[in-house]
């Protein structure tokens, strides 16, 4: 810091405040940093991930990170703007190399005791981007695997969730200990092969929540990928890495899986199109599964046309049935959403009605939602333990606490309970089919907007439980479910979910376009 050269004339006390702030930043003294940012709802902080508005939002972001990157300060360019305001543009020298800059608008105001103090009203940070963001990617190429020279997906790039086989690379499933023991695969997963054959290139293998057993996107080993649509919020999981890679513009297609909402939830949280396909419509060869009764393959994109192209290349002759019925809404499902999401959903339905798109909309009463969720939870947990329990038992401590607890519950499901739940699953599927029929069921893709990365465990669990009650219906029915980025709550995206009849995957995208 002492080697920095000040260029320009600084008003009295400004540089002292700047260096005190810088010292607190390197020491991660959150209270001191909060004190230096001006109070109120108009204070700004921006970086490459987005803009935070208001002192409280900035403070929450700061509490949710581990601290700033170690750095030194190069030249300081100071401009006295008059009226007790000054601009500082500082050259940033990260310890990891490269150069960046930090721009701060300071304002001198009087305290209650009459003293003057300098506060930051707006700040923007630009630092060298890492070659590979470890929270998003496990491995990246340029590209990692080239696709066919001909086909409808030429020019498209894919982030592959770290559950699919990519020839020459091991599967890590979001767990370092699992990756360390996994052999290199010798062939591509069927879903990867389909995209490559259509001309897409695999850009890299993207992170997932541990064994894909989460809808949050917080990985205890590799970190939490940023939410490209809502700064300071979780990205949604378990297809978190591919979702963020798509939402941030690093690739055009995210290849993921959806067991309990792992495509629909990150798509909802980050404003993407996301399709969970009809169960068994896309081959799961070369995929490390979680719960076979519900595991599906799907994709996330920034637009409907790219999603249609990816789905068309992968579904073959399946998934091409027409949507011949109208629309249905289950009020008991919508009631599970937060007030803001319910209002946004109701407003969307009103707009669609005004446009004459939902004249045949009917309300339906599904089986008890709590019962459906319990059936789903029991079968999923038992199958997850059957799939991974042996490895988990042999590797104590390899999983984060929350994921370990979910597997621990699965270990307690005895064969009789599992058999009973499987029978109940078949009955529930038949019941949903008889109620919804050939209609498209409309509901929110998630129960809320993306929670903050600083949300406590109880809040995240409450959001998870509400969301799973929404998402489990498609899983139980084995139906395709499309998340359309059609709703917003206080500027944050929420998906409008369309659960269609079986094998209407392609047609469902067209319906989603008409509603969007």
Protein backbone atom coordinates (compact mmCIF):
# COMPACT_ATOMS: atom_id res chain seq x y z
CA UNK A 1 0.00 0.00 0.00
CA UNK A 2 2.79 2.45 0.88
CA UNK A 3 4.25 2.14 -2.65
CA UNK A 4 1.06 3.46 -4.24
CA UNK A 5 1.29 6.73 -6.15
CA UNK A 6 -1.57 9.21 -5.69
CA UNK A 7 -2.40 11.08 -8.88
CA UNK A 8 -4.63 14.07 -8.30
CA UNK A 9 -5.49 16.15 -5.25
CA UNK A 10 -7.44 14.38 -2.52
CA UNK A 11 -9.75 16.31 -0.16
CA UNK A 12 -8.85 16.24 3.54
CA UNK A 13 -9.37 12.86 5.19
CA UNK A 14 -10.27 10.96 2.02
CA UNK A 15 -7.07 8.95 1.70
CA UNK A 16 -7.12 8.06 5.40
CA UNK A 17 -10.63 6.69 4.91
CA UNK A 18 -9.60 4.82 1.75
CA UNK A 19 -6.70 3.07 3.45
CA UNK A 20 -8.72 2.21 6.53
CA UNK A 21 -11.34 0.67 4.29
CA UNK A 22 -8.66 -1.26 2.38
CA UNK A 23 -7.16 -2.61 5.62
CA UNK A 24 -10.60 -3.75 6.82
CA UNK A 25 -11.23 -5.37 3.44
CA UNK A 26 -8.08 -7.48 3.63
CA UNK A 27 -8.89 -8.43 7.25
CA UNK A 28 -12.55 -9.15 6.32
CA UNK A 29 -13.79 -6.92 9.14
CA UNK A 30 -17.41 -6.92 8.06
CA UNK A 31 -18.66 -4.37 10.60
CA UNK A 32 -16.02 -1.84 9.57
CA UNK A 33 -16.77 -2.39 5.89
CA UNK A 34 -20.48 -1.90 6.53
CA UNK A 35 -19.73 1.37 8.31
CA UNK A 36 -17.88 2.72 5.27
CA UNK A 37 -20.78 2.10 2.87
CA UNK A 38 -23.42 4.82 2.94
CA UNK A 39 -26.71 3.79 4.54
CA UNK A 40 -29.93 3.70 2.56
CA UNK A 41 -31.48 2.06 -0.46
CA UNK A 42 -29.52 3.89 -3.17
CA UNK A 43 -25.97 2.74 -2.35
CA UNK A 44 -24.47 0.69 -5.19
CA UNK A 45 -21.83 -2.02 -5.48
CA UNK A 46 -21.08 -3.70 -8.79
CA UNK A 47 -18.72 -6.27 -10.25
CA UNK A 48 -18.77 -8.68 -13.17
CA UNK A 49 -21.55 -10.74 -11.56
CA UNK A 50 -24.00 -7.82 -11.30
CA UNK A 51 -25.07 -4.83 -9.23
CA UNK A 52 -26.15 -4.86 -5.59
CA UNK A 53 -28.54 -2.06 -4.62
CA UNK A 54 -28.90 -0.76 -1.09
CA UNK A 55 -26.76 -0.99 2.03
CA UNK A 56 -28.57 -4.06 3.38
CA UNK A 57 -28.15 -6.05 0.18
CA UNK A 58 -24.46 -5.17 0.03
CA UNK A 59 -24.02 -6.14 3.66
CA UNK A 60 -25.75 -9.49 3.13
CA UNK A 61 -23.48 -10.22 0.16
CA UNK A 62 -20.39 -9.44 2.22
CA UNK A 63 -21.46 -11.71 5.05
CA UNK A 64 -21.98 -14.56 2.61
CA UNK A 65 -18.45 -14.60 1.20
CA UNK A 66 -15.21 -15.75 2.78
CA UNK A 67 -13.43 -12.44 2.24
CA UNK A 68 -11.88 -10.48 -0.60
CA UNK A 69 -9.05 -11.78 -2.75
CA UNK A 70 -5.62 -10.84 -1.40
CA UNK A 71 -4.24 -7.86 -3.27
CA UNK A 72 -2.07 -4.78 -3.28
CA UNK A 73 -2.97 -1.30 -4.51
CA UNK A 74 -1.14 0.35 -7.39
CA UNK A 75 -1.70 3.91 -8.49
CA UNK A 76 -4.59 5.90 -7.04
CA UNK A 77 -6.32 8.34 -9.37
CA UNK A 78 -8.28 10.91 -7.35
CA UNK A 79 -10.73 13.50 -8.65
CA UNK A 80 -12.30 16.09 -6.35
CA UNK A 81 -15.84 16.52 -7.70
CA UNK A 82 -16.81 19.32 -5.32
CA UNK A 83 -19.85 19.39 -3.05
CA UNK A 84 -18.06 17.03 -0.64
CA UNK A 85 -17.76 14.26 -3.22
CA UNK A 86 -14.69 12.64 -4.70
CA UNK A 87 -13.92 9.82 -7.12
CA UNK A 88 -11.12 7.29 -6.59
CA UNK A 89 -10.04 4.88 -9.30
CA UNK A 90 -7.44 2.48 -7.87
CA UNK A 91 -5.31 -0.01 -9.74
CA UNK A 92 -5.75 -3.47 -8.17
CA UNK A 93 -2.83 -5.92 -8.10
CA UNK A 94 -4.16 -9.37 -7.06
CA UNK A 95 -1.70 -11.70 -5.37
CA UNK A 96 -2.63 -14.29 -8.00
CA UNK A 97 -1.39 -12.00 -10.77
CA UNK A 98 -2.86 -9.68 -13.34
CA UNK A 99 -4.34 -6.22 -12.89
CA UNK A 100 -7.78 -4.84 -12.17
CA UNK A 101 -9.36 -1.65 -10.96
CA UNK A 102 -11.65 -0.41 -8.24
CA UNK A 103 -13.82 2.69 -8.71
CA UNK A 104 -15.39 4.36 -5.68
CA UNK A 105 -17.60 7.43 -5.34
CA UNK A 106 -17.05 8.91 -1.85
CA UNK A 107 -19.23 11.44 -0.03
CA UNK A 108 -18.21 13.47 3.01
CA UNK A 109 -21.05 13.89 5.51
CA UNK A 110 -21.35 15.16 9.06
CA UNK A 111 -21.87 12.79 11.99
CA UNK A 112 -24.17 13.46 14.92
CA UNK A 113 -21.29 14.93 16.94
CA UNK A 114 -20.37 17.35 14.16
CA UNK A 115 -17.34 15.49 12.79
CA UNK A 116 -16.96 14.81 9.07
CA UNK A 117 -16.70 11.27 7.73
CA UNK A 118 -16.20 9.85 4.25
CA UNK A 119 -18.62 7.16 3.04
CA UNK A 120 -18.83 5.17 -0.20
CA UNK A 121 -21.99 5.82 -2.21
CA UNK A 122 -21.11 3.65 -5.21
CA UNK A 123 -18.34 1.17 -5.99
CA UNK A 124 -17.38 -1.06 -8.88
CA UNK A 125 -14.71 -3.75 -8.84
CA UNK A 126 -13.07 -5.31 -11.88
CA UNK A 127 -10.48 -8.05 -11.35
CA UNK A 128 -8.89 -10.58 -13.72
CA UNK A 129 -11.27 -13.47 -14.31
CA UNK A 130 -9.91 -16.89 -13.37
CA UNK A 131 -9.07 -19.15 -16.30
CA UNK A 132 -11.48 -21.69 -14.82
CA UNK A 133 -14.02 -20.80 -12.14
CA UNK A 134 -13.81 -23.89 -9.94
CA UNK A 135 -17.30 -23.41 -8.57
CA UNK A 136 -18.73 -23.66 -12.12
CA UNK A 137 -16.34 -25.93 -13.99
CA UNK A 138 -14.40 -29.06 -13.20
CA UNK A 139 -12.55 -29.08 -16.50
CA UNK A 140 -12.80 -26.86 -19.59
CA UNK A 141 -11.41 -27.08 -23.11
CA UNK A 142 -11.47 -24.94 -26.20
CA UNK A 143 -13.52 -27.03 -26.76
CA UNK A 144 -13.05 -30.17 -24.70
CA UNK A 145 -14.69 -32.37 -27.36
CA UNK A 146 -15.54 -31.30 -30.91
CA UNK A 147 -18.83 -32.28 -32.51
CA UNK A 148 -19.85 -33.23 -36.00
CA UNK A 149 -19.08 -30.75 -38.75
CA UNK A 150 -22.70 -30.97 -39.92
CA UNK A 151 -25.94 -30.80 -38.00
CA UNK A 152 -28.51 -28.49 -36.44
CA UNK A 153 -26.34 -27.73 -33.41
CA UNK A 154 -23.16 -26.64 -35.20
CA UNK A 155 -21.88 -23.56 -33.41
CA UNK A 156 -23.53 -24.48 -30.10
CA UNK A 157 -21.46 -25.24 -27.00
CA UNK A 158 -22.37 -27.52 -24.09
CA UNK A 159 -21.65 -27.62 -20.38
CA UNK A 160 -22.00 -31.26 -19.31
CA UNK A 161 -23.10 -31.95 -15.75
CA UNK A 162 -20.47 -33.98 -13.92
CA UNK A 163 -22.60 -37.12 -13.92
CA UNK A 164 -22.35 -37.98 -17.63
CA UNK A 165 -19.52 -39.97 -19.16
CA UNK A 166 -17.26 -37.90 -21.40
CA UNK A 167 -14.71 -40.17 -23.05
CA UNK A 168 -11.25 -39.79 -21.55
CA UNK A 169 -12.44 -38.15 -18.34
CA UNK A 170 -13.62 -39.49 -14.99
CA UNK A 171 -17.00 -38.70 -13.41
CA UNK A 172 -16.70 -36.73 -10.17
CA UNK A 173 -20.35 -36.26 -9.10
CA UNK A 174 -19.40 -33.11 -7.16
CA UNK A 175 -17.28 -35.07 -4.65
CA UNK A 176 -13.45 -34.94 -4.65
CA UNK A 177 -13.13 -38.34 -2.98
CA UNK A 178 -15.36 -39.94 -5.61
CA UNK A 179 -13.44 -38.27 -8.43
CA UNK A 180 -10.13 -39.52 -7.02
CA UNK A 181 -11.26 -43.13 -7.38
CA UNK A 182 -13.20 -42.87 -10.64
CA UNK A 183 -11.60 -44.37 -13.76
CA UNK A 184 -11.43 -42.47 -17.02
CA UNK A 185 -14.39 -43.37 -19.16
CA UNK A 186 -13.86 -44.92 -22.59
CA UNK A 187 -17.01 -43.68 -24.33
CA UNK A 188 -19.51 -40.86 -24.18
CA UNK A 189 -22.87 -41.08 -22.44
CA UNK A 190 -25.78 -41.47 -24.84
CA UNK A 191 -27.01 -37.93 -24.12
CA UNK A 192 -23.56 -36.50 -24.86
CA UNK A 193 -23.23 -38.52 -28.06
CA UNK A 194 -26.56 -37.19 -29.35
CA UNK A 195 -25.49 -33.56 -28.95
CA UNK A 196 -22.07 -34.17 -30.51
CA UNK A 197 -23.64 -35.97 -33.46
CA UNK A 198 -25.87 -32.96 -34.05
CA UNK A 199 -22.81 -30.69 -34.27
CA UNK A 200 -22.55 -29.24 -30.75
CA UNK A 201 -19.17 -29.07 -29.04
CA UNK A 202 -18.61 -29.97 -25.40
CA UNK A 203 -16.98 -26.93 -23.83
CA UNK A 204 -16.37 -28.65 -20.51
CA UNK A 205 -17.60 -30.67 -17.55
CA UNK A 206 -19.52 -28.52 -15.09
CA UNK A 207 -20.05 -28.89 -11.36
CA UNK A 208 -23.01 -30.49 -9.65
CA UNK A 209 -24.23 -30.78 -6.09
CA UNK A 210 -22.92 -33.91 -4.36
CA UNK A 211 -24.41 -36.97 -6.10
CA UNK A 212 -27.06 -34.52 -7.48
CA UNK A 213 -28.99 -34.75 -4.20
CA UNK A 214 -29.98 -31.08 -3.79
CA UNK A 215 -31.93 -28.28 -5.44
CA UNK A 216 -29.86 -25.46 -3.89
CA UNK A 217 -26.58 -25.47 -5.82
CA UNK A 218 -24.29 -25.14 -2.79
CA UNK A 219 -21.39 -27.56 -3.01
CA UNK A 220 -19.39 -27.90 0.21
CA UNK A 221 -16.22 -28.89 -1.69
CA UNK A 222 -16.07 -26.66 -4.76
CA UNK A 223 -18.12 -23.67 -3.63
CA UNK A 224 -21.37 -22.15 -4.83
CA UNK A 225 -21.59 -21.11 -8.49
CA UNK A 226 -22.77 -17.52 -8.84
CA UNK A 227 -26.33 -16.80 -9.86
CA UNK A 228 -25.93 -14.89 -13.11
CA UNK A 229 -29.40 -13.34 -12.83
CA UNK A 230 -29.55 -12.42 -9.13
CA UNK A 231 -26.23 -11.28 -7.60
CA UNK A 232 -25.70 -12.72 -4.14
CA UNK A 233 -28.27 -15.51 -4.58
CA UNK A 234 -27.82 -19.27 -4.82
CA UNK A 235 -27.88 -20.68 -8.38
CA UNK A 236 -30.22 -23.63 -7.84
CA UNK A 237 -29.13 -27.24 -8.11
CA UNK A 238 -28.18 -29.87 -8.70
CA UNK A 239 -27.47 -28.83 -12.30
CA UNK A 240 -25.92 -25.68 -10.86
CA UNK A 241 -22.70 -25.60 -12.86
CA UNK A 242 -24.33 -26.02 -16.29
CA UNK A 243 -27.07 -23.53 -15.36
CA UNK A 244 -24.62 -20.81 -14.38
CA UNK A 245 -22.45 -21.53 -17.43
CA UNK A 246 -25.49 -20.95 -19.66
CA UNK A 247 -26.89 -17.96 -17.78
CA UNK A 248 -23.51 -16.22 -17.75
CA UNK A 249 -23.03 -16.71 -21.49
CA UNK A 250 -20.13 -19.18 -21.30
CA UNK A 251 -22.03 -21.85 -23.24
CA UNK A 252 -25.36 -22.06 -25.05
CA UNK A 253 -26.60 -25.44 -23.73
CA UNK A 254 -26.46 -26.98 -20.29
CA UNK A 255 -26.84 -30.77 -20.27
CA UNK A 256 -28.28 -31.77 -16.92
CA UNK A 257 -30.45 -34.20 -15.03
CA UNK A 258 -33.69 -33.72 -13.18
CA UNK A 259 -34.77 -36.12 -10.44
CA UNK A 260 -36.66 -33.80 -8.11
CA UNK A 261 -36.33 -30.46 -9.90
CA UNK A 262 -32.63 -30.20 -10.69
CA UNK A 263 -33.21 -28.61 -14.10
CA UNK A 264 -36.40 -26.70 -13.38
CA UNK A 265 -35.17 -25.02 -10.18
CA UNK A 266 -31.86 -23.59 -11.50
CA UNK A 267 -33.69 -22.57 -14.68
CA UNK A 268 -36.25 -20.75 -12.55
CA UNK A 269 -33.66 -19.08 -10.33
CA UNK A 270 -31.52 -17.86 -13.25
CA UNK A 271 -34.14 -17.00 -15.88
CA UNK A 272 -33.49 -19.89 -18.27
CA UNK A 273 -35.53 -22.26 -20.38
CA UNK A 274 -35.24 -25.72 -18.84
CA UNK A 275 -36.78 -29.03 -19.92
CA UNK A 276 -37.16 -32.16 -17.83
CA UNK A 277 -38.00 -34.84 -20.39
CA UNK A 278 -40.58 -37.60 -20.21
CA UNK A 279 -39.19 -40.36 -18.02
CA UNK A 280 -37.11 -42.78 -20.15
CA UNK A 281 -37.52 -40.66 -23.30
CA UNK A 282 -33.76 -40.01 -23.37
CA UNK A 283 -31.43 -42.94 -22.76
CA UNK A 284 -29.53 -42.79 -19.46
CA UNK A 285 -26.63 -44.95 -20.65
CA UNK A 286 -23.39 -43.55 -19.28
CA UNK A 287 -25.14 -41.51 -16.60
CA UNK A 288 -24.41 -41.81 -12.90
CA UNK A 289 -27.93 -41.86 -11.53
CA UNK A 290 -29.52 -41.12 -8.16
CA UNK A 291 -33.04 -42.55 -8.11
CA UNK A 292 -33.94 -44.51 -11.27
CA UNK A 293 -37.71 -44.14 -10.81
CA UNK A 294 -37.37 -40.37 -11.28
CA UNK A 295 -34.02 -39.68 -13.01
CA UNK A 296 -34.39 -37.86 -16.33
CA UNK A 297 -32.11 -36.09 -18.80
CA UNK A 298 -32.74 -32.52 -19.93
CA UNK A 299 -31.28 -29.22 -21.04
CA UNK A 300 -31.12 -25.54 -20.06
CA UNK A 301 -30.77 -22.73 -22.60
CA UNK A 302 -31.26 -18.98 -22.86
CA UNK A 303 -33.91 -19.25 -25.58
CA UNK A 304 -36.60 -21.61 -26.77
CA UNK A 305 -35.16 -22.26 -30.24
CA UNK A 306 -31.88 -23.62 -28.88
CA UNK A 307 -33.77 -25.78 -26.39
CA UNK A 308 -35.93 -27.18 -29.18
CA UNK A 309 -32.86 -27.98 -31.26
CA UNK A 310 -31.14 -29.78 -28.37
CA UNK A 311 -34.28 -31.73 -27.52
CA UNK A 312 -34.97 -32.65 -31.16
CA UNK A 313 -31.43 -33.96 -31.58
CA UNK A 314 -31.67 -36.10 -28.47
CA UNK A 315 -35.23 -37.42 -28.30
CA UNK A 316 -35.24 -39.36 -31.55
CA UNK A 317 -38.72 -40.60 -32.35
CA UNK A 318 -39.98 -40.16 -28.81
CA UNK A 319 -41.18 -36.96 -27.23
CA UNK A 320 -42.98 -35.79 -30.35
CA UNK A 321 -46.62 -36.33 -29.49
CA UNK A 322 -48.98 -33.39 -29.92
CA UNK A 323 -50.56 -31.43 -27.08
CA UNK A 324 -54.28 -31.86 -27.70
CA UNK A 325 -55.85 -30.80 -24.40
CA UNK A 326 -56.22 -27.49 -22.65
CA UNK A 327 -54.65 -26.20 -19.43
CA UNK A 328 -55.13 -27.04 -15.78
CA UNK A 329 -54.23 -25.34 -12.53
CA UNK A 330 -54.12 -26.98 -9.11
CA UNK A 331 -54.78 -24.24 -6.50
CA UNK A 332 -53.31 -26.39 -3.72
CA UNK A 333 -49.98 -26.44 -5.57
CA UNK A 334 -49.91 -22.71 -6.25
CA UNK A 335 -50.65 -22.06 -2.56
CA UNK A 336 -47.27 -23.56 -1.68
CA UNK A 337 -45.46 -20.66 -3.34
CA UNK A 338 -44.42 -17.45 -1.62
CA UNK A 339 -46.88 -14.51 -1.78
CA UNK A 340 -44.77 -12.76 -4.40
CA UNK A 341 -44.65 -15.83 -6.63
CA UNK A 342 -48.38 -16.43 -6.21
CA UNK A 343 -49.10 -12.85 -7.26
CA UNK A 344 -46.78 -13.11 -10.27
CA UNK A 345 -48.37 -16.42 -11.28
CA UNK A 346 -51.89 -14.99 -10.97
CA UNK A 347 -50.89 -11.93 -13.01
CA UNK A 348 -49.45 -14.18 -15.72
CA UNK A 349 -52.64 -16.20 -15.91
CA UNK A 350 -54.63 -12.97 -16.21
CA UNK A 351 -52.44 -11.80 -19.10
CA UNK A 352 -52.80 -15.15 -20.84
CA UNK A 353 -56.57 -15.02 -20.41
CA UNK A 354 -56.68 -11.52 -21.91
CA UNK A 355 -54.75 -12.84 -24.89
CA UNK A 356 -57.24 -15.67 -25.30
CA UNK A 357 -54.64 -18.38 -24.68
CA UNK A 358 -56.26 -20.06 -21.69
CA UNK A 359 -59.96 -20.11 -22.53
CA UNK A 360 -60.09 -23.83 -21.69
CA UNK A 361 -58.26 -23.50 -18.36
CA UNK A 362 -59.76 -25.65 -15.58
CA UNK A 363 -59.01 -26.04 -11.91
CA UNK A 364 -58.17 -29.54 -10.70
CA UNK A 365 -57.76 -31.14 -7.29
CA UNK A 366 -54.74 -33.40 -7.09
CA UNK A 367 -54.19 -36.05 -4.40
CA UNK A 368 -52.99 -34.64 -1.08
CA UNK A 369 -49.72 -32.82 -1.82
CA UNK A 370 -48.06 -33.85 1.44
CA UNK A 371 -48.88 -37.49 0.67
CA UNK A 372 -47.42 -37.15 -2.82
CA UNK A 373 -44.26 -35.60 -1.44
CA UNK A 374 -43.87 -38.35 1.16
CA UNK A 375 -44.24 -41.04 -1.50
CA UNK A 376 -41.67 -39.28 -3.67
CA UNK A 377 -39.28 -38.72 -0.76
CA UNK A 378 -39.45 -42.32 0.43
CA UNK A 379 -38.88 -43.90 -2.96
CA UNK A 380 -36.17 -41.40 -3.92
CA UNK A 381 -34.33 -41.81 -0.62
CA UNK A 382 -34.43 -45.60 -0.74
CA UNK A 383 -33.21 -45.70 -4.33
CA UNK A 384 -30.50 -43.12 -3.66
CA UNK A 385 -29.15 -45.25 -0.82
CA UNK A 386 -29.34 -48.37 -2.98
CA UNK A 387 -27.37 -46.54 -5.68
CA UNK A 388 -24.64 -44.94 -3.55
CA UNK A 389 -24.94 -46.36 -0.04
CA UNK A 390 -22.10 -48.84 -0.35
CA UNK A 391 -19.66 -46.13 -1.45
CA UNK A 392 -20.85 -43.71 1.23
CA UNK A 393 -20.44 -46.34 3.95
CA UNK A 394 -16.87 -46.96 2.80
CA UNK A 395 -16.06 -43.22 2.76
CA UNK A 396 -17.25 -41.65 6.02
CA UNK A 397 -16.97 -37.86 6.03
CA UNK A 398 -16.80 -37.58 2.23
CA UNK A 399 -20.14 -35.78 1.99
CA UNK A 400 -21.29 -32.45 3.36
CA UNK A 401 -23.56 -32.55 6.38
CA UNK A 402 -26.88 -31.84 4.59
CA UNK A 403 -26.35 -34.36 1.79
CA UNK A 404 -25.09 -36.98 4.24
CA UNK A 405 -28.27 -36.57 6.30
CA UNK A 406 -30.44 -37.24 3.25
CA UNK A 407 -28.58 -40.44 2.46
CA UNK A 408 -28.73 -41.42 6.14
CA UNK A 409 -32.52 -41.24 5.97
CA UNK A 410 -32.48 -43.47 2.88
CA UNK A 411 -30.53 -46.06 4.83
CA UNK A 412 -33.42 -46.30 7.32
CA UNK A 413 -36.04 -47.19 4.70
CA UNK A 414 -36.60 -50.92 5.16
CA UNK A 415 -37.64 -53.22 2.29
CA UNK A 416 -41.25 -53.39 3.42
CA UNK A 417 -41.59 -49.60 3.54
CA UNK A 418 -39.90 -49.27 0.16
CA UNK A 419 -42.24 -51.84 -1.37
CA UNK A 420 -45.28 -50.10 0.06
CA UNK A 421 -44.05 -46.70 -1.20
CA UNK A 422 -43.42 -48.12 -4.67
CA UNK A 423 -46.97 -49.43 -4.84
CA UNK A 424 -48.25 -46.07 -3.63
CA UNK A 425 -46.19 -44.41 -6.35
CA UNK A 426 -47.93 -46.42 -9.07
CA UNK A 427 -51.34 -45.57 -7.64
CA UNK A 428 -50.43 -41.88 -7.37
CA UNK A 429 -49.24 -41.85 -10.98
CA UNK A 430 -52.49 -43.38 -12.16
CA UNK A 431 -54.47 -40.92 -10.06
CA UNK A 432 -52.64 -37.88 -11.49
CA UNK A 433 -53.14 -39.20 -15.01
CA UNK A 434 -56.88 -39.59 -14.44
CA UNK A 435 -57.21 -36.06 -13.03
CA UNK A 436 -54.97 -34.08 -15.40
CA UNK A 437 -55.50 -36.23 -18.49
CA UNK A 438 -54.18 -34.68 -21.71
CA UNK A 439 -54.09 -31.17 -20.29
CA UNK A 440 -50.98 -29.11 -19.54
CA UNK A 441 -50.69 -28.41 -15.83
CA UNK A 442 -49.51 -24.85 -15.07
CA UNK A 443 -47.67 -24.00 -11.85
CA UNK A 444 -44.64 -22.05 -10.62
CA UNK A 445 -41.32 -23.81 -11.29
CA UNK A 446 -40.12 -23.04 -7.75
CA UNK A 447 -41.78 -21.83 -4.57
CA UNK A 448 -39.73 -18.61 -4.43
CA UNK A 449 -37.11 -16.56 -6.15
CA UNK A 450 -33.52 -17.65 -5.52
CA UNK A 451 -32.68 -17.35 -1.80
CA UNK A 452 -29.62 -15.38 -0.73
CA UNK A 453 -26.34 -17.20 -0.26
CA UNK A 454 -26.50 -15.93 3.34
CA UNK A 455 -29.89 -17.52 4.06
CA UNK A 456 -29.75 -19.73 7.14
CA UNK A 457 -30.18 -23.49 6.99
CA UNK A 458 -33.77 -23.37 8.26
CA UNK A 459 -34.80 -20.92 5.55
CA UNK A 460 -33.17 -22.96 2.80
CA UNK A 461 -34.81 -26.14 4.07
CA UNK A 462 -38.22 -24.47 4.16
CA UNK A 463 -37.76 -23.29 0.55
CA UNK A 464 -36.56 -26.75 -0.44
CA UNK A 465 -39.56 -28.51 1.07
CA UNK A 466 -42.05 -26.14 -0.55
CA UNK A 467 -40.33 -26.38 -3.92
CA UNK A 468 -40.11 -30.18 -3.87
CA UNK A 469 -43.86 -30.35 -3.29
CA UNK A 470 -44.25 -28.44 -6.55
CA UNK A 471 -41.67 -30.37 -8.54
CA UNK A 472 -42.48 -33.90 -7.36
CA UNK A 473 -45.74 -34.02 -9.32
CA UNK A 474 -43.96 -34.29 -12.68
CA UNK A 475 -41.54 -36.83 -11.21
CA UNK A 476 -44.31 -39.06 -9.89
CA UNK A 477 -46.28 -38.81 -13.14
CA UNK A 478 -43.18 -39.34 -15.31
CA UNK A 479 -44.28 -36.37 -17.39
CA UNK A 480 -42.18 -33.75 -19.17
CA UNK A 481 -41.92 -30.41 -17.39
CA UNK A 482 -40.79 -27.17 -18.99
CA UNK A 483 -39.66 -24.10 -17.05
CA UNK A 484 -40.32 -20.92 -19.02
CA UNK A 485 -38.70 -17.63 -17.84
CA UNK A 486 -42.02 -15.79 -17.79
CA UNK A 487 -42.44 -14.48 -14.22
CA UNK A 488 -40.59 -11.91 -12.14
CA UNK A 489 -40.81 -10.98 -8.47
CA UNK A 490 -39.14 -7.69 -7.51
CA UNK A 491 -36.87 -8.01 -10.52
CA UNK A 492 -35.84 -11.61 -9.87
CA UNK A 493 -36.85 -14.38 -12.28
CA UNK A 494 -39.23 -17.24 -11.54
CA UNK A 495 -40.17 -19.93 -14.01
CA UNK A 496 -43.65 -20.70 -15.26
CA UNK A 497 -43.77 -24.50 -15.31
CA UNK A 498 -45.70 -26.51 -17.89
CA UNK A 499 -46.20 -30.19 -17.03
CA UNK A 500 -47.37 -31.87 -20.21
CA UNK A 501 -48.77 -35.28 -21.12
CA UNK A 502 -46.13 -38.00 -21.63
CA UNK A 503 -44.01 -37.71 -24.79
CA UNK A 504 -45.16 -34.19 -25.67
CA UNK A 505 -41.69 -32.76 -24.98
CA UNK A 506 -41.16 -30.96 -28.29
CA UNK A 507 -44.72 -29.69 -28.52
CA UNK A 508 -44.49 -28.45 -24.93
CA UNK A 509 -41.69 -26.07 -25.95
CA UNK A 510 -43.96 -24.58 -28.62
CA UNK A 511 -46.73 -24.16 -26.06
CA UNK A 512 -44.24 -22.47 -23.74
CA UNK A 513 -43.29 -20.04 -26.50
CA UNK A 514 -46.92 -19.09 -27.04
CA UNK A 515 -47.39 -18.45 -23.34
CA UNK A 516 -44.13 -16.55 -22.99
